[in-house]
Amino acid sequence: MARILLTAGPTRAYIDEVRYLTNASSGRMARSLSQAALARGHEVIIVSGPVAVRYPSGARVIPVITTAEMLAAAVKELPQVDGVIAAAAPCDFEPDHPVTGKIPRAAAGLSLKLRATTDVIATLAARAQRQPSSRRKKTWCVAFALEPGADKTRACAKVTAKQCDLIVVNDLAALESTTNAVAVYDDRHTLVGEKKGTKPAVAAWLIRLIEQRLMGD
């Protein structure tokens, strides 16, 4: 059985101490993945941004808020896990100069300059290449990619750029939905499987696929 690190939910990028940027990630897919992994006998550690869903009691949950916090928590756990499933939707951008306090509504000429955040799964995958797990020779990494139309080209570009073993691509319709439709590609850009259905059904299928492709002795 494997010890799995699962990133989940959205993160927040604060504009001031009250307002923030975020996205519509609900954490439902990550919850379903954790339930499916636990049911198969795996150990699950979840690093989750703010969500309304409840994760299963059998998982260890590490709550975070910002992308930087998610990355720091995941990096800390990485040496003790066998694999990573990056189902989170961390903010890709953050304000260049967040404001202390609260920006007044009457502020004139207000504009927002954004900078890219550090890519969580790309950083974890790069570290996994250099830092083998304490329990396995290689720490495997699975990324999720939310792409308009579940675009294969963009997903395959990401699996290469992020140095992951598999990438799970789905469409924008998955946001805040109870269902999902996914296609999974390997690091050679080969389609290894497709599945649609409820998020629990898709998650159970994905965990079995990951077992077959990445957890074999």
N, C-alpha and C. Protein backbone atom coordinates (compact mmCIF):
# COMPACT_ATOMS: atom_id res chain seq x y z
N MET A 1 0.83 -1.19 0.00
CA MET A 1 0.00 0.00 0.00
C MET A 1 0.87 1.26 0.00
N ALA A 2 0.33 2.34 -0.49
CA ALA A 2 1.11 3.56 -0.66
C ALA A 2 0.69 4.64 0.34
N ARG A 3 1.64 5.52 0.61
CA ARG A 3 1.34 6.74 1.35
C ARG A 3 1.24 7.85 0.31
N ILE A 4 0.05 8.44 0.18
CA ILE A 4 -0.24 9.39 -0.90
C ILE A 4 -0.42 10.79 -0.35
N LEU A 5 0.26 11.74 -0.97
CA LEU A 5 0.07 13.16 -0.69
C LEU A 5 -0.90 13.72 -1.72
N LEU A 6 -1.99 14.29 -1.25
CA LEU A 6 -3.04 14.81 -2.12
C LEU A 6 -3.20 16.30 -1.87
N THR A 7 -3.01 17.13 -2.91
CA THR A 7 -3.31 18.55 -2.76
C THR A 7 -4.74 18.78 -3.21
N ALA A 8 -5.42 19.72 -2.55
CA ALA A 8 -6.86 19.84 -2.74
C ALA A 8 -7.34 21.27 -2.62
N GLY A 9 -8.45 21.55 -3.31
CA GLY A 9 -9.14 22.82 -3.15
C GLY A 9 -8.44 24.00 -3.79
N PRO A 10 -8.98 25.20 -3.59
CA PRO A 10 -8.37 26.41 -4.11
C PRO A 10 -7.39 27.00 -3.10
N THR A 11 -6.68 28.01 -3.51
CA THR A 11 -5.93 28.84 -2.56
C THR A 11 -6.40 30.28 -2.74
N ARG A 12 -5.91 31.15 -1.88
CA ARG A 12 -6.28 32.56 -1.95
C ARG A 12 -5.04 33.41 -2.14
N ALA A 13 -5.20 34.47 -2.94
CA ALA A 13 -4.13 35.45 -3.14
C ALA A 13 -4.68 36.80 -2.68
N TYR A 14 -4.17 37.29 -1.58
CA TYR A 14 -4.76 38.47 -0.95
C TYR A 14 -4.35 39.77 -1.65
N ILE A 15 -5.37 40.61 -1.92
CA ILE A 15 -5.16 41.95 -2.48
C ILE A 15 -4.85 42.93 -1.34
N ASP A 16 -5.66 42.83 -0.29
CA ASP A 16 -5.40 43.51 0.97
C ASP A 16 -5.75 42.53 2.08
N GLU A 17 -5.93 42.97 3.29
CA GLU A 17 -6.18 42.03 4.38
C GLU A 17 -7.62 41.54 4.43
N VAL A 18 -8.46 42.03 3.53
CA VAL A 18 -9.87 41.65 3.47
C VAL A 18 -10.21 40.92 2.17
N ARG A 19 -9.70 41.42 1.07
CA ARG A 19 -10.10 40.93 -0.26
C ARG A 19 -9.01 40.00 -0.83
N TYR A 20 -9.47 39.05 -1.64
CA TYR A 20 -8.52 38.11 -2.23
C TYR A 20 -9.02 37.58 -3.56
N LEU A 21 -8.09 37.06 -4.36
CA LEU A 21 -8.40 36.33 -5.59
C LEU A 21 -8.47 34.85 -5.25
N THR A 22 -9.37 34.14 -5.91
CA THR A 22 -9.45 32.69 -5.73
C THR A 22 -10.12 32.08 -6.95
N ASN A 23 -10.61 30.85 -6.85
CA ASN A 23 -11.30 30.21 -7.96
C ASN A 23 -12.40 29.30 -7.42
N ALA A 24 -13.09 28.63 -8.33
CA ALA A 24 -14.29 27.89 -7.95
C ALA A 24 -14.03 26.43 -7.59
N SER A 25 -12.79 26.06 -7.34
CA SER A 25 -12.51 24.68 -6.93
C SER A 25 -13.23 24.37 -5.62
N SER A 26 -13.95 23.24 -5.59
CA SER A 26 -14.78 22.90 -4.43
C SER A 26 -14.13 21.91 -3.48
N GLY A 27 -13.12 21.18 -3.96
CA GLY A 27 -12.53 20.11 -3.16
C GLY A 27 -13.25 18.78 -3.28
N ARG A 28 -14.35 18.73 -4.06
CA ARG A 28 -15.13 17.49 -4.16
C ARG A 28 -14.34 16.36 -4.80
N MET A 29 -13.57 16.67 -5.85
CA MET A 29 -12.81 15.62 -6.52
C MET A 29 -11.73 15.08 -5.59
N ALA A 30 -11.07 15.98 -4.86
CA ALA A 30 -10.04 15.53 -3.92
C ALA A 30 -10.66 14.69 -2.80
N ARG A 31 -11.82 15.09 -2.33
CA ARG A 31 -12.49 14.28 -1.30
C ARG A 31 -12.77 12.89 -1.83
N SER A 32 -13.28 12.81 -3.07
CA SER A 32 -13.58 11.51 -3.66
C SER A 32 -12.32 10.68 -3.85
N LEU A 33 -11.23 11.33 -4.26
CA LEU A 33 -9.96 10.61 -4.42
C LEU A 33 -9.47 10.08 -3.08
N SER A 34 -9.60 10.89 -2.03
CA SER A 34 -9.14 10.43 -0.72
C SER A 34 -9.99 9.27 -0.22
N GLN A 35 -11.29 9.33 -0.45
CA GLN A 35 -12.16 8.22 -0.04
C GLN A 35 -11.80 6.94 -0.80
N ALA A 36 -11.57 7.08 -2.12
CA ALA A 36 -11.23 5.92 -2.94
C ALA A 36 -9.89 5.33 -2.53
N ALA A 37 -8.91 6.18 -2.25
CA ALA A 37 -7.58 5.70 -1.85
C ALA A 37 -7.64 5.00 -0.50
N LEU A 38 -8.36 5.57 0.44
CA LEU A 38 -8.49 4.95 1.75
C LEU A 38 -9.19 3.60 1.65
N ALA A 39 -10.22 3.51 0.79
CA ALA A 39 -10.95 2.26 0.61
C ALA A 39 -10.07 1.16 0.04
N ARG A 40 -9.02 1.55 -0.69
CA ARG A 40 -8.07 0.59 -1.26
C ARG A 40 -6.92 0.28 -0.30
N GLY A 41 -6.97 0.86 0.90
CA GLY A 41 -5.96 0.56 1.90
C GLY A 41 -4.77 1.48 1.93
N HIS A 42 -4.80 2.56 1.16
CA HIS A 42 -3.68 3.50 1.14
C HIS A 42 -3.79 4.50 2.29
N GLU A 43 -2.66 5.09 2.63
CA GLU A 43 -2.62 6.17 3.61
C GLU A 43 -2.68 7.49 2.86
N VAL A 44 -3.47 8.44 3.34
CA VAL A 44 -3.68 9.69 2.62
C VAL A 44 -3.39 10.90 3.51
N ILE A 45 -2.58 11.80 2.97
CA ILE A 45 -2.30 13.09 3.60
C ILE A 45 -2.82 14.16 2.65
N ILE A 46 -3.73 15.01 3.13
CA ILE A 46 -4.34 16.03 2.28
C ILE A 46 -3.84 17.41 2.70
N VAL A 47 -3.27 18.14 1.76
CA VAL A 47 -2.95 19.55 1.96
C VAL A 47 -4.01 20.34 1.21
N SER A 48 -4.90 20.98 1.96
CA SER A 48 -6.09 21.57 1.34
C SER A 48 -6.22 23.06 1.61
N GLY A 49 -6.58 23.78 0.56
CA GLY A 49 -7.00 25.16 0.72
C GLY A 49 -8.41 25.21 1.30
N PRO A 50 -8.96 26.41 1.47
CA PRO A 50 -10.27 26.56 2.11
C PRO A 50 -11.41 25.96 1.28
N VAL A 51 -12.11 25.00 1.85
CA VAL A 51 -13.24 24.34 1.18
C VAL A 51 -14.37 24.13 2.19
N ALA A 52 -15.57 23.91 1.65
CA ALA A 52 -16.72 23.63 2.51
C ALA A 52 -16.90 22.13 2.74
N VAL A 53 -16.32 21.29 1.87
CA VAL A 53 -16.51 19.85 2.01
C VAL A 53 -15.74 19.31 3.21
N ARG A 54 -16.19 18.18 3.70
CA ARG A 54 -15.48 17.48 4.77
C ARG A 54 -14.72 16.31 4.18
N TYR A 55 -13.45 16.22 4.55
CA TYR A 55 -12.65 15.10 4.09
C TYR A 55 -12.85 13.91 5.04
N PRO A 56 -12.60 12.69 4.56
CA PRO A 56 -12.81 11.52 5.41
C PRO A 56 -11.91 11.53 6.64
N SER A 57 -12.43 11.00 7.73
CA SER A 57 -11.71 11.02 9.00
C SER A 57 -10.43 10.19 8.94
N GLY A 58 -10.36 9.25 8.01
CA GLY A 58 -9.16 8.41 7.91
C GLY A 58 -7.96 9.11 7.31
N ALA A 59 -8.17 10.29 6.72
CA ALA A 59 -7.08 11.05 6.12
C ALA A 59 -6.53 12.07 7.11
N ARG A 60 -5.25 12.37 7.00
CA ARG A 60 -4.66 13.46 7.78
C ARG A 60 -4.73 14.72 6.94
N VAL A 61 -5.39 15.75 7.46
CA VAL A 61 -5.63 16.97 6.70
C VAL A 61 -4.77 18.11 7.24
N ILE A 62 -4.07 18.78 6.33
CA ILE A 62 -3.26 19.94 6.68
C ILE A 62 -3.89 21.16 5.98
N PRO A 63 -4.58 22.03 6.73
CA PRO A 63 -5.23 23.17 6.10
C PRO A 63 -4.24 24.29 5.79
N VAL A 64 -4.40 24.89 4.61
CA VAL A 64 -3.58 26.03 4.20
C VAL A 64 -4.50 27.06 3.56
N ILE A 65 -3.96 28.24 3.29
CA ILE A 65 -4.77 29.28 2.66
C ILE A 65 -4.14 29.74 1.34
N THR A 66 -2.88 30.09 1.36
CA THR A 66 -2.24 30.64 0.16
C THR A 66 -1.50 29.55 -0.61
N THR A 67 -1.13 29.88 -1.84
CA THR A 67 -0.34 28.96 -2.65
C THR A 67 1.01 28.69 -2.01
N ALA A 68 1.63 29.71 -1.46
CA ALA A 68 2.93 29.53 -0.80
C ALA A 68 2.81 28.59 0.38
N GLU A 69 1.73 28.69 1.14
CA GLU A 69 1.52 27.79 2.27
C GLU A 69 1.29 26.36 1.80
N MET A 70 0.54 26.19 0.70
CA MET A 70 0.31 24.85 0.15
C MET A 70 1.62 24.23 -0.28
N LEU A 71 2.45 24.99 -0.96
CA LEU A 71 3.74 24.48 -1.42
C LEU A 71 4.63 24.10 -0.24
N ALA A 72 4.70 24.96 0.76
CA ALA A 72 5.57 24.69 1.92
C ALA A 72 5.12 23.43 2.65
N ALA A 73 3.81 23.27 2.84
CA ALA A 73 3.30 22.09 3.54
C ALA A 73 3.56 20.83 2.73
N ALA A 74 3.35 20.90 1.42
CA ALA A 74 3.55 19.73 0.57
C ALA A 74 5.03 19.34 0.50
N VAL A 75 5.91 20.32 0.40
CA VAL A 75 7.35 20.04 0.37
C VAL A 75 7.78 19.35 1.66
N LYS A 76 7.22 19.78 2.77
CA LYS A 76 7.57 19.18 4.06
C LYS A 76 7.17 17.71 4.12
N GLU A 77 6.04 17.36 3.51
CA GLU A 77 5.54 15.98 3.55
C GLU A 77 6.19 15.09 2.49
N LEU A 78 6.72 15.69 1.44
CA LEU A 78 7.19 14.93 0.28
C LEU A 78 8.16 13.79 0.60
N PRO A 79 9.15 13.98 1.48
CA PRO A 79 10.11 12.89 1.70
C PRO A 79 9.49 11.63 2.30
N GLN A 80 8.31 11.74 2.91
CA GLN A 80 7.70 10.60 3.58
C GLN A 80 6.61 9.91 2.75
N VAL A 81 6.38 10.36 1.50
CA VAL A 81 5.29 9.78 0.72
C VAL A 81 5.82 8.99 -0.47
N ASP A 82 4.95 8.13 -1.00
CA ASP A 82 5.29 7.34 -2.18
C ASP A 82 4.86 8.02 -3.47
N GLY A 83 3.85 8.88 -3.38
CA GLY A 83 3.37 9.54 -4.57
C GLY A 83 2.53 10.76 -4.25
N VAL A 84 2.36 11.60 -5.27
CA VAL A 84 1.61 12.85 -5.13
C VAL A 84 0.50 12.87 -6.17
N ILE A 85 -0.71 13.23 -5.74
CA ILE A 85 -1.81 13.52 -6.66
C ILE A 85 -2.18 14.97 -6.45
N ALA A 86 -1.92 15.79 -7.45
CA ALA A 86 -2.14 17.24 -7.32
C ALA A 86 -3.50 17.60 -7.90
N ALA A 87 -4.53 17.48 -7.06
CA ALA A 87 -5.89 17.79 -7.49
C ALA A 87 -6.30 19.21 -7.12
N ALA A 88 -5.42 19.94 -6.45
CA ALA A 88 -5.73 21.31 -6.04
C ALA A 88 -5.75 22.24 -7.25
N ALA A 89 -6.36 23.40 -7.04
CA ALA A 89 -6.35 24.46 -8.04
C ALA A 89 -5.76 25.71 -7.39
N PRO A 90 -4.46 25.69 -7.12
CA PRO A 90 -3.85 26.86 -6.48
C PRO A 90 -3.88 28.08 -7.40
N CYS A 91 -3.97 29.26 -6.79
CA CYS A 91 -3.94 30.48 -7.59
C CYS A 91 -2.64 30.55 -8.38
N ASP A 92 -2.76 30.79 -9.67
CA ASP A 92 -1.58 30.92 -10.52
C ASP A 92 -0.95 32.30 -10.43
N PHE A 93 -1.73 33.28 -9.93
CA PHE A 93 -1.24 34.65 -9.86
C PHE A 93 -1.56 35.24 -8.50
N GLU A 94 -0.76 36.22 -8.10
CA GLU A 94 -1.00 36.93 -6.85
C GLU A 94 -0.62 38.39 -7.04
N PRO A 95 -1.21 39.29 -6.26
CA PRO A 95 -0.86 40.71 -6.39
C PRO A 95 0.63 40.95 -6.13
N ASP A 96 1.20 41.80 -6.94
CA ASP A 96 2.62 42.10 -6.80
C ASP A 96 2.91 42.82 -5.49
N HIS A 97 1.95 43.66 -5.06
CA HIS A 97 2.14 44.42 -3.82
C HIS A 97 0.83 44.41 -3.03
N PRO A 98 0.56 43.34 -2.26
CA PRO A 98 -0.64 43.35 -1.43
C PRO A 98 -0.59 44.48 -0.42
N VAL A 99 -1.77 45.01 -0.11
CA VAL A 99 -1.88 46.19 0.73
C VAL A 99 -2.17 45.80 2.17
N THR A 100 -1.49 46.44 3.11
CA THR A 100 -1.78 46.25 4.53
C THR A 100 -3.08 46.98 4.86
N GLY A 101 -3.95 46.33 5.61
CA GLY A 101 -5.22 46.96 5.95
C GLY A 101 -6.25 46.71 4.86
N LYS A 102 -7.10 47.71 4.60
CA LYS A 102 -8.17 47.58 3.61
C LYS A 102 -8.14 48.78 2.67
N ILE A 103 -8.13 48.49 1.37
CA ILE A 103 -8.14 49.56 0.38
C ILE A 103 -9.49 50.25 0.43
N PRO A 104 -9.54 51.58 0.59
CA PRO A 104 -10.84 52.27 0.64
C PRO A 104 -11.55 52.21 -0.70
N ARG A 105 -12.86 52.13 -0.65
CA ARG A 105 -13.67 52.07 -1.87
C ARG A 105 -13.44 53.29 -2.75
N ALA A 106 -13.16 54.42 -2.11
CA ALA A 106 -13.02 55.67 -2.86
C ALA A 106 -11.63 55.84 -3.48
N ALA A 107 -10.76 54.82 -3.36
CA ALA A 107 -9.41 54.93 -3.92
C ALA A 107 -9.48 55.21 -5.42
N ALA A 108 -8.79 56.24 -5.86
CA ALA A 108 -8.85 56.66 -7.27
C ALA A 108 -7.75 55.96 -8.07
N GLY A 109 -8.06 55.68 -9.34
CA GLY A 109 -7.06 55.11 -10.23
C GLY A 109 -6.53 53.77 -9.78
N LEU A 110 -7.38 52.96 -9.18
CA LEU A 110 -6.94 51.67 -8.64
C LEU A 110 -6.65 50.68 -9.77
N SER A 111 -5.47 50.05 -9.72
CA SER A 111 -5.12 49.00 -10.68
C SER A 111 -4.42 47.89 -9.92
N LEU A 112 -4.41 46.71 -10.51
CA LEU A 112 -3.86 45.54 -9.83
C LEU A 112 -2.80 44.91 -10.72
N LYS A 113 -1.58 44.86 -10.24
CA LYS A 113 -0.49 44.21 -10.98
C LYS A 113 -0.26 42.84 -10.37
N LEU A 114 -0.26 41.82 -11.22
CA LEU A 114 -0.13 40.44 -10.75
C LEU A 114 1.21 39.85 -11.15
N ARG A 115 1.67 38.89 -10.34
CA ARG A 115 2.86 38.11 -10.66
C ARG A 115 2.50 36.64 -10.54
N ALA A 116 3.23 35.80 -11.21
CA ALA A 116 2.97 34.36 -11.16
C ALA A 116 3.40 33.79 -9.81
N THR A 117 2.61 32.86 -9.30
CA THR A 117 3.00 32.14 -8.09
C THR A 117 3.90 30.97 -8.50
N THR A 118 4.55 30.37 -7.52
CA THR A 118 5.38 29.19 -7.79
C THR A 118 4.47 28.01 -8.09
N ASP A 119 4.78 27.26 -9.14
CA ASP A 119 3.98 26.11 -9.55
C ASP A 119 4.17 24.97 -8.55
N VAL A 120 3.09 24.60 -7.86
CA VAL A 120 3.19 23.63 -6.78
C VAL A 120 3.61 22.26 -7.28
N ILE A 121 2.88 21.69 -8.25
CA ILE A 121 3.18 20.31 -8.67
C ILE A 121 4.50 20.26 -9.44
N ALA A 122 4.83 21.28 -10.20
CA ALA A 122 6.12 21.28 -10.90
C ALA A 122 7.28 21.27 -9.91
N THR A 123 7.13 22.04 -8.83
CA THR A 123 8.17 22.07 -7.80
C THR A 123 8.29 20.73 -7.10
N LEU A 124 7.14 20.13 -6.76
CA LEU A 124 7.17 18.83 -6.09
C LEU A 124 7.77 17.75 -6.98
N ALA A 125 7.38 17.75 -8.27
CA ALA A 125 7.90 16.74 -9.20
C ALA A 125 9.41 16.89 -9.38
N ALA A 126 9.89 18.13 -9.47
CA ALA A 126 11.34 18.35 -9.62
C ALA A 126 12.08 17.87 -8.38
N ARG A 127 11.52 18.13 -7.21
CA ARG A 127 12.16 17.66 -5.97
C ARG A 127 12.10 16.14 -5.88
N ALA A 128 11.01 15.56 -6.35
CA ALA A 128 10.87 14.10 -6.29
C ALA A 128 11.95 13.41 -7.13
N GLN A 129 12.34 14.05 -8.23
CA GLN A 129 13.39 13.48 -9.07
C GLN A 129 14.73 13.44 -8.33
N ARG A 130 14.98 14.45 -7.49
CA ARG A 130 16.26 14.56 -6.79
C ARG A 130 16.23 13.90 -5.42
N GLN A 131 15.03 13.73 -4.88
CA GLN A 131 14.89 13.29 -3.49
C GLN A 131 13.98 12.08 -3.41
N PRO A 132 14.50 10.88 -3.58
CA PRO A 132 13.65 9.68 -3.55
C PRO A 132 12.92 9.55 -2.23
N SER A 133 11.75 8.94 -2.31
CA SER A 133 10.96 8.68 -1.11
C SER A 133 11.72 7.76 -0.16
N SER A 134 11.42 7.87 1.14
CA SER A 134 12.02 6.99 2.12
C SER A 134 11.47 5.58 2.01
N ARG A 135 10.38 5.42 1.24
CA ARG A 135 9.74 4.11 1.16
C ARG A 135 9.84 3.48 -0.23
N ARG A 136 10.15 4.31 -1.25
CA ARG A 136 10.25 3.78 -2.61
C ARG A 136 11.44 4.44 -3.30
N LYS A 137 11.89 3.85 -4.39
CA LYS A 137 13.01 4.42 -5.13
C LYS A 137 12.61 5.70 -5.84
N LYS A 138 11.35 5.79 -6.28
CA LYS A 138 10.92 6.98 -7.02
C LYS A 138 9.56 7.43 -6.51
N THR A 139 9.44 8.70 -6.25
CA THR A 139 8.16 9.27 -5.86
C THR A 139 7.42 9.68 -7.12
N TRP A 140 6.30 9.03 -7.37
CA TRP A 140 5.54 9.33 -8.59
C TRP A 140 4.66 10.56 -8.39
N CYS A 141 4.34 11.24 -9.49
CA CYS A 141 3.55 12.47 -9.44
C CYS A 141 2.46 12.46 -10.50
N VAL A 142 1.25 12.76 -10.08
CA VAL A 142 0.10 12.85 -10.98
C VAL A 142 -0.48 14.25 -10.87
N ALA A 143 -0.59 14.94 -12.00
CA ALA A 143 -1.13 16.30 -12.01
C ALA A 143 -2.54 16.30 -12.59
N PHE A 144 -3.32 17.29 -12.20
CA PHE A 144 -4.61 17.56 -12.83
C PHE A 144 -4.47 18.82 -13.67
N ALA A 145 -5.16 18.86 -14.79
CA ALA A 145 -5.17 20.05 -15.64
C ALA A 145 -6.62 20.36 -16.02
N LEU A 146 -7.09 21.51 -15.60
CA LEU A 146 -8.43 21.98 -15.98
C LEU A 146 -8.27 22.84 -17.22
N GLU A 147 -8.75 22.35 -18.36
CA GLU A 147 -8.56 23.04 -19.62
C GLU A 147 -9.87 23.18 -20.37
N PRO A 148 -10.14 24.33 -21.00
CA PRO A 148 -11.34 24.47 -21.82
C PRO A 148 -11.39 23.37 -22.88
N GLY A 149 -12.51 22.65 -22.92
CA GLY A 149 -12.64 21.56 -23.89
C GLY A 149 -11.74 20.38 -23.60
N ALA A 150 -11.19 20.31 -22.38
CA ALA A 150 -10.25 19.24 -22.00
C ALA A 150 -9.15 19.10 -23.05
N ASP A 151 -8.56 20.23 -23.41
CA ASP A 151 -7.60 20.31 -24.51
C ASP A 151 -6.39 19.40 -24.29
N LYS A 152 -6.20 18.44 -25.20
CA LYS A 152 -5.10 17.48 -25.08
C LYS A 152 -3.75 18.15 -25.25
N THR A 153 -3.63 19.07 -26.20
CA THR A 153 -2.34 19.69 -26.48
C THR A 153 -1.81 20.43 -25.26
N ARG A 154 -2.68 21.20 -24.62
CA ARG A 154 -2.25 21.95 -23.44
C ARG A 154 -1.94 21.01 -22.28
N ALA A 155 -2.73 19.96 -22.14
CA ALA A 155 -2.48 19.00 -21.06
C ALA A 155 -1.14 18.29 -21.26
N CYS A 156 -0.86 17.87 -22.48
CA CYS A 156 0.38 17.15 -22.74
C CYS A 156 1.60 18.06 -22.60
N ALA A 157 1.44 19.34 -22.96
CA ALA A 157 2.53 20.29 -22.73
C ALA A 157 2.82 20.41 -21.24
N LYS A 158 1.77 20.35 -20.43
CA LYS A 158 1.95 20.47 -18.98
C LYS A 158 2.60 19.23 -18.38
N VAL A 159 2.24 18.04 -18.85
CA VAL A 159 2.83 16.84 -18.26
C VAL A 159 4.34 16.82 -18.50
N THR A 160 4.76 17.38 -19.65
CA THR A 160 6.20 17.47 -19.93
C THR A 160 6.85 18.57 -19.10
N ALA A 161 6.24 19.75 -19.09
CA ALA A 161 6.83 20.88 -18.38
C ALA A 161 6.92 20.64 -16.88
N LYS A 162 5.92 19.95 -16.34
CA LYS A 162 5.87 19.72 -14.90
C LYS A 162 6.60 18.45 -14.48
N GLN A 163 7.08 17.66 -15.45
CA GLN A 163 7.84 16.43 -15.21
C GLN A 163 7.05 15.41 -14.38
N CYS A 164 5.76 15.28 -14.72
CA CYS A 164 4.90 14.33 -14.01
C CYS A 164 4.82 13.01 -14.75
N ASP A 165 4.35 11.99 -14.06
CA ASP A 165 4.20 10.67 -14.66
C ASP A 165 2.89 10.55 -15.44
N LEU A 166 1.85 11.17 -14.90
CA LEU A 166 0.53 11.17 -15.55
C LEU A 166 -0.09 12.55 -15.38
N ILE A 167 -0.97 12.90 -16.32
CA ILE A 167 -1.77 14.12 -16.16
C ILE A 167 -3.23 13.78 -16.44
N VAL A 168 -4.10 14.28 -15.59
CA VAL A 168 -5.54 14.06 -15.69
C VAL A 168 -6.16 15.36 -16.16
N VAL A 169 -6.71 15.36 -17.37
CA VAL A 169 -7.29 16.59 -17.91
C VAL A 169 -8.81 16.51 -17.87
N ASN A 170 -9.43 17.59 -17.44
CA ASN A 170 -10.88 17.69 -17.48
C ASN A 170 -11.28 19.08 -17.95
N ASP A 171 -12.58 19.25 -18.18
CA ASP A 171 -13.11 20.48 -18.74
C ASP A 171 -13.55 21.42 -17.63
N LEU A 172 -13.81 22.68 -17.97
CA LEU A 172 -14.28 23.66 -16.99
C LEU A 172 -15.60 23.25 -16.35
N ALA A 173 -16.35 22.39 -17.01
CA ALA A 173 -17.64 21.94 -16.46
C ALA A 173 -17.48 21.20 -15.14
N ALA A 174 -16.27 20.74 -14.84
CA ALA A 174 -16.04 20.00 -13.59
C ALA A 174 -16.13 20.90 -12.36
N LEU A 175 -15.94 22.21 -12.56
CA LEU A 175 -15.97 23.13 -11.42
C LEU A 175 -17.34 23.14 -10.75
N GLU A 176 -17.34 22.97 -9.44
CA GLU A 176 -18.55 23.01 -8.62
C GLU A 176 -19.61 22.00 -9.07
N SER A 177 -19.18 20.94 -9.74
CA SER A 177 -20.09 19.91 -10.21
C SER A 177 -19.91 18.63 -9.40
N THR A 178 -20.94 17.78 -9.41
CA THR A 178 -20.84 16.48 -8.76
C THR A 178 -20.38 15.40 -9.72
N THR A 179 -20.22 15.76 -11.00
CA THR A 179 -19.76 14.80 -12.01
C THR A 179 -18.46 15.29 -12.63
N ASN A 180 -17.80 14.39 -13.35
CA ASN A 180 -16.55 14.73 -14.00
C ASN A 180 -16.34 13.84 -15.21
N ALA A 181 -15.57 14.32 -16.16
CA ALA A 181 -15.15 13.53 -17.32
C ALA A 181 -13.68 13.80 -17.53
N VAL A 182 -12.86 12.76 -17.47
CA VAL A 182 -11.41 12.95 -17.51
C VAL A 182 -10.77 12.09 -18.60
N ALA A 183 -9.64 12.57 -19.06
CA ALA A 183 -8.75 11.80 -19.92
C ALA A 183 -7.38 11.83 -19.27
N VAL A 184 -6.68 10.70 -19.29
CA VAL A 184 -5.38 10.59 -18.62
C VAL A 184 -4.30 10.30 -19.66
N TYR A 185 -3.23 11.11 -19.61
CA TYR A 185 -2.10 10.94 -20.54
C TYR A 185 -0.83 10.69 -19.73
N ASP A 186 0.08 9.90 -20.31
CA ASP A 186 1.35 9.66 -19.64
C ASP A 186 2.40 10.65 -20.12
N ASP A 187 3.63 10.48 -19.66
CA ASP A 187 4.69 11.44 -19.98
C ASP A 187 5.16 11.34 -21.43
N ARG A 188 4.65 10.34 -22.16
CA ARG A 188 4.93 10.25 -23.59
C ARG A 188 3.76 10.77 -24.42
N HIS A 189 2.79 11.36 -23.75
CA HIS A 189 1.60 11.95 -24.36
C HIS A 189 0.65 10.90 -24.93
N THR A 190 0.75 9.69 -24.40
CA THR A 190 -0.14 8.61 -24.82
C THR A 190 -1.38 8.59 -23.94
N LEU A 191 -2.55 8.49 -24.57
CA LEU A 191 -3.79 8.37 -23.81
C LEU A 191 -3.82 7.00 -23.14
N VAL A 192 -3.95 6.98 -21.81
CA VAL A 192 -3.96 5.70 -21.09
C VAL A 192 -5.33 5.36 -20.54
N GLY A 193 -6.30 6.28 -20.65
CA GLY A 193 -7.64 5.96 -20.20
C GLY A 193 -8.54 7.17 -20.16
N GLU A 194 -9.85 6.91 -20.24
CA GLU A 194 -10.87 7.95 -20.14
C GLU A 194 -12.01 7.44 -19.28
N LYS A 195 -12.64 8.37 -18.55
CA LYS A 195 -13.74 7.98 -17.68
C LYS A 195 -14.65 9.17 -17.43
N LYS A 196 -15.96 8.92 -17.43
CA LYS A 196 -16.90 9.96 -17.05
C LYS A 196 -17.92 9.37 -16.09
N GLY A 197 -18.46 10.21 -15.23
CA GLY A 197 -19.45 9.75 -14.26
C GLY A 197 -19.44 10.65 -13.04
N THR A 198 -19.98 10.17 -11.94
CA THR A 198 -19.92 10.93 -10.71
C THR A 198 -18.47 11.05 -10.26
N LYS A 199 -18.18 12.06 -9.47
CA LYS A 199 -16.80 12.22 -9.01
C LYS A 199 -16.32 11.03 -8.19
N PRO A 200 -17.16 10.42 -7.32
CA PRO A 200 -16.69 9.21 -6.64
C PRO A 200 -16.36 8.07 -7.59
N ALA A 201 -17.16 7.90 -8.65
CA ALA A 201 -16.90 6.83 -9.61
C ALA A 201 -15.62 7.09 -10.39
N VAL A 202 -15.44 8.33 -10.82
CA VAL A 202 -14.22 8.68 -11.56
C VAL A 202 -13.00 8.56 -10.65
N ALA A 203 -13.13 8.96 -9.40
CA ALA A 203 -12.01 8.87 -8.46
C ALA A 203 -11.61 7.42 -8.22
N ALA A 204 -12.58 6.55 -8.03
CA ALA A 204 -12.27 5.13 -7.81
C ALA A 204 -11.53 4.55 -9.01
N TRP A 205 -11.98 4.92 -10.20
CA TRP A 205 -11.32 4.46 -11.43
C TRP A 205 -9.89 5.01 -11.51
N LEU A 206 -9.70 6.28 -11.16
CA LEU A 206 -8.38 6.88 -11.22
C LEU A 206 -7.41 6.23 -10.24
N ILE A 207 -7.86 5.95 -9.04
CA ILE A 207 -6.97 5.32 -8.05
C ILE A 207 -6.53 3.94 -8.56
N ARG A 208 -7.44 3.19 -9.14
CA ARG A 208 -7.06 1.87 -9.68
C ARG A 208 -6.08 2.02 -10.85
N LEU A 209 -6.30 3.03 -11.69
CA LEU A 209 -5.38 3.28 -12.81
C LEU A 209 -3.99 3.65 -12.29
N ILE A 210 -3.92 4.50 -11.29
CA ILE A 210 -2.64 4.89 -10.72
C ILE A 210 -1.95 3.67 -10.08
N GLU A 211 -2.70 2.83 -9.44
CA GLU A 211 -2.13 1.59 -8.88
C GLU A 211 -1.48 0.75 -9.98
N GLN A 212 -2.19 0.59 -11.09
CA GLN A 212 -1.72 -0.25 -12.17
C GLN A 212 -0.49 0.35 -12.85
N ARG A 213 -0.51 1.68 -13.05
CA ARG A 213 0.55 2.32 -13.81
C ARG A 213 1.78 2.70 -12.99
N LEU A 214 1.56 3.04 -11.71
CA LEU A 214 2.65 3.65 -10.95
C LEU A 214 3.02 2.94 -9.65
N MET A 215 2.18 2.06 -9.15
CA MET A 215 2.45 1.45 -7.86
C MET A 215 2.94 0.02 -7.94
N GLY A 216 3.14 -0.46 -9.16
CA GLY A 216 3.61 -1.83 -9.29
C GLY A 216 5.04 -1.99 -8.78
N ASP A 217 5.35 -3.15 -8.27
CA ASP A 217 6.71 -3.44 -7.77
C ASP A 217 7.69 -3.61 -8.94
